[in-house]
Amino acid sequence: MKTIFLSIGDKTEKISFFGSTIEDLLKLKKINAEKVLIKKNNEFITEDEALNNKDIIELINIVSKG
């Protein structure tokens, strides 16, 4: 089991789960990967990136105006 820290906006939560990738985390939280930018330990990544224990994940909502 991994413990990671997930930040969305100004909210941060500690999550323990058995997944191995960002994609697993997004599915768990029911977040569409096409609607967020993902940072792991302050570096932009894609959803297929592996997670490690105590990673800090930040999700940044993409805002589109048309």
Foldseek 3Di string as FASTA:
>chain_A
DAWEWEAEPNDIDIDDDDDWWQLVVCVVVVHDQVFWFKDWQRHTDHGRDTDDHHIYIYTYGDDDDD
